[in-house]
């Protein structure tokens, strides 16, 4: 089972770098550690992982991966759970094969992940307006 959502936006005239920074700020305010690359051929790639002892024990290698691609008036946001890539530049290359970033997880974790994914996506949509 692959976990990925794609939301497209048109006629929003958004600076995608600024949008990425706003998303990072929002995630950091919610207690996530983040990393980003802007050198990806498919767009901006952000990874966010929740800090904490339980997370470190259970899912130390998982992170939310958010990719923003397109132009200011026609862009898409891909969001899903994937393997935490220590070198985000590697994630940017792997983003060409986006589905490879997302892992199958067990059912309870998938349900929780979907819930958190939806909450993050709602906040991103509010940022975009």
Protein backbone atom coordinates (compact mmCIF):
# COMPACT_ATOMS: atom_id res chain seq x y z
CA UNK A 1 0.00 0.00 0.00
CA UNK A 2 1.44 3.36 -1.05
CA UNK A 3 0.56 6.54 0.82
CA UNK A 4 0.61 9.64 -1.34
CA UNK A 5 -1.75 12.56 -1.91
CA UNK A 6 -1.49 15.00 -4.78
CA UNK A 7 -3.26 18.35 -4.76
CA UNK A 8 -3.07 20.71 -7.74
CA UNK A 9 -3.43 24.48 -7.63
CA UNK A 10 -4.06 26.87 -10.52
CA UNK A 11 -4.07 30.66 -10.79
CA UNK A 12 -2.66 31.17 -7.27
CA UNK A 13 0.43 33.19 -8.32
CA UNK A 14 2.54 31.82 -5.44
CA UNK A 15 6.29 32.13 -5.11
CA UNK A 16 7.06 28.43 -4.61
CA UNK A 17 10.26 29.06 -2.63
CA UNK A 18 8.36 31.34 -0.26
CA UNK A 19 5.56 28.76 -0.02
CA UNK A 20 8.11 26.08 0.88
CA UNK A 21 9.53 28.32 3.61
CA UNK A 22 6.02 28.94 4.98
CA UNK A 23 5.38 25.17 5.05
CA UNK A 24 8.70 24.58 6.83
CA UNK A 25 7.88 27.26 9.43
CA UNK A 26 4.44 25.72 10.00
CA UNK A 27 5.93 22.25 10.42
CA UNK A 28 8.62 23.50 12.80
CA UNK A 29 5.99 25.28 14.90
CA UNK A 30 4.21 21.91 15.13
CA UNK A 31 7.38 20.27 16.47
CA UNK A 32 8.81 18.74 13.29
CA UNK A 33 12.47 18.68 12.29
CA UNK A 34 12.72 19.66 8.63
CA UNK A 35 15.14 19.65 5.74
CA UNK A 36 14.67 20.92 2.19
CA UNK A 37 16.36 20.95 -1.18
CA UNK A 38 15.64 23.30 -4.03
CA UNK A 39 18.02 21.65 -6.49
CA UNK A 40 15.65 18.89 -7.55
CA UNK A 41 14.71 18.70 -11.24
CA UNK A 42 11.08 18.04 -10.21
CA UNK A 43 10.73 20.89 -7.71
CA UNK A 44 11.22 21.55 -4.03
CA UNK A 45 11.44 18.58 -1.68
CA UNK A 46 10.79 18.97 2.05
CA UNK A 47 11.16 16.22 4.60
CA UNK A 48 9.70 16.53 8.09
CA UNK A 49 10.02 14.14 10.97
CA UNK A 50 8.55 14.39 14.43
CA UNK A 51 11.11 14.46 17.22
CA UNK A 52 10.64 12.30 20.28
CA UNK A 53 11.79 9.17 22.07
CA UNK A 54 8.85 6.99 20.96
CA UNK A 55 9.31 8.07 17.34
CA UNK A 56 13.02 7.35 17.58
CA UNK A 57 12.35 3.82 18.86
CA UNK A 58 9.51 2.86 16.51
CA UNK A 59 9.89 4.74 13.23
CA UNK A 60 13.30 6.36 13.19
CA UNK A 61 13.56 6.05 9.42
CA UNK A 62 10.19 7.56 8.44
CA UNK A 63 9.33 11.13 7.52
CA UNK A 64 6.67 13.12 5.76
CA UNK A 65 7.88 14.02 2.31
CA UNK A 66 6.36 17.04 0.61
CA UNK A 67 7.21 17.90 -2.98
CA UNK A 68 6.19 21.17 -4.61
CA UNK A 69 6.48 21.20 -8.39
CA UNK A 70 5.33 23.40 -11.22
CA UNK A 71 5.21 27.16 -11.67
CA UNK A 72 3.59 29.93 -9.59
CA UNK A 73 0.24 29.70 -11.41
CA UNK A 74 0.10 25.95 -11.95
CA UNK A 75 1.71 23.78 -9.28
CA UNK A 76 1.08 20.57 -7.40
CA UNK A 77 1.90 19.41 -3.90
CA UNK A 78 2.68 15.74 -3.30
CA UNK A 79 2.58 14.64 0.33
CA UNK A 80 3.17 11.22 1.83
CA UNK A 81 5.11 9.17 4.30
CA UNK A 82 8.47 7.93 3.21
CA UNK A 83 11.91 6.88 4.24
CA UNK A 84 13.92 9.59 5.97
CA UNK A 85 16.83 10.37 3.69
CA UNK A 86 19.80 11.70 5.65
CA UNK A 87 21.06 13.48 2.55
CA UNK A 88 18.07 15.35 1.16
CA UNK A 89 19.89 15.77 -2.17
CA UNK A 90 19.48 12.00 -2.59
CA UNK A 91 15.73 12.45 -1.97
CA UNK A 92 15.63 15.08 -4.70
CA UNK A 93 17.03 12.61 -7.21
CA UNK A 94 14.71 9.88 -5.97
CA UNK A 95 11.77 12.27 -6.28
CA UNK A 96 11.92 11.58 -10.01
CA UNK A 97 10.51 8.22 -8.99
CA UNK A 98 8.25 9.69 -6.31
CA UNK A 99 6.42 6.51 -5.45
CA UNK A 100 9.74 4.99 -4.36
CA UNK A 101 9.86 7.55 -1.53
CA UNK A 102 6.71 6.20 0.09
CA UNK A 103 6.67 3.06 2.21
CA UNK A 104 3.99 0.57 3.02
CA UNK A 105 3.20 0.68 6.73
CA UNK A 106 1.02 -1.43 9.01
CA UNK A 107 -2.70 -0.58 9.26
CA UNK A 108 -2.77 1.31 12.61
CA UNK A 109 0.23 3.37 11.59
CA UNK A 110 -1.27 3.98 8.14
CA UNK A 111 -4.49 5.29 9.70
CA UNK A 112 -2.57 7.62 12.01
CA UNK A 113 -0.35 8.71 9.15
CA UNK A 114 -3.40 9.51 6.99
CA UNK A 115 -4.85 11.59 9.84
CA UNK A 116 -1.63 13.59 10.30
CA UNK A 117 -1.19 13.88 6.53
CA UNK A 118 -4.68 15.35 6.22
CA UNK A 119 -4.00 17.85 9.01
CA UNK A 120 -0.73 18.97 7.39
CA UNK A 121 -2.44 19.24 4.00
CA UNK A 122 -5.27 21.37 5.48
CA UNK A 123 -2.69 23.77 6.92
CA UNK A 124 -0.84 23.95 3.59
CA UNK A 125 -4.09 24.75 1.78
CA UNK A 126 -4.74 27.54 4.32
CA UNK A 127 -1.27 28.95 3.63
CA UNK A 128 -1.94 28.92 -0.12
CA UNK A 129 -5.34 30.57 0.37
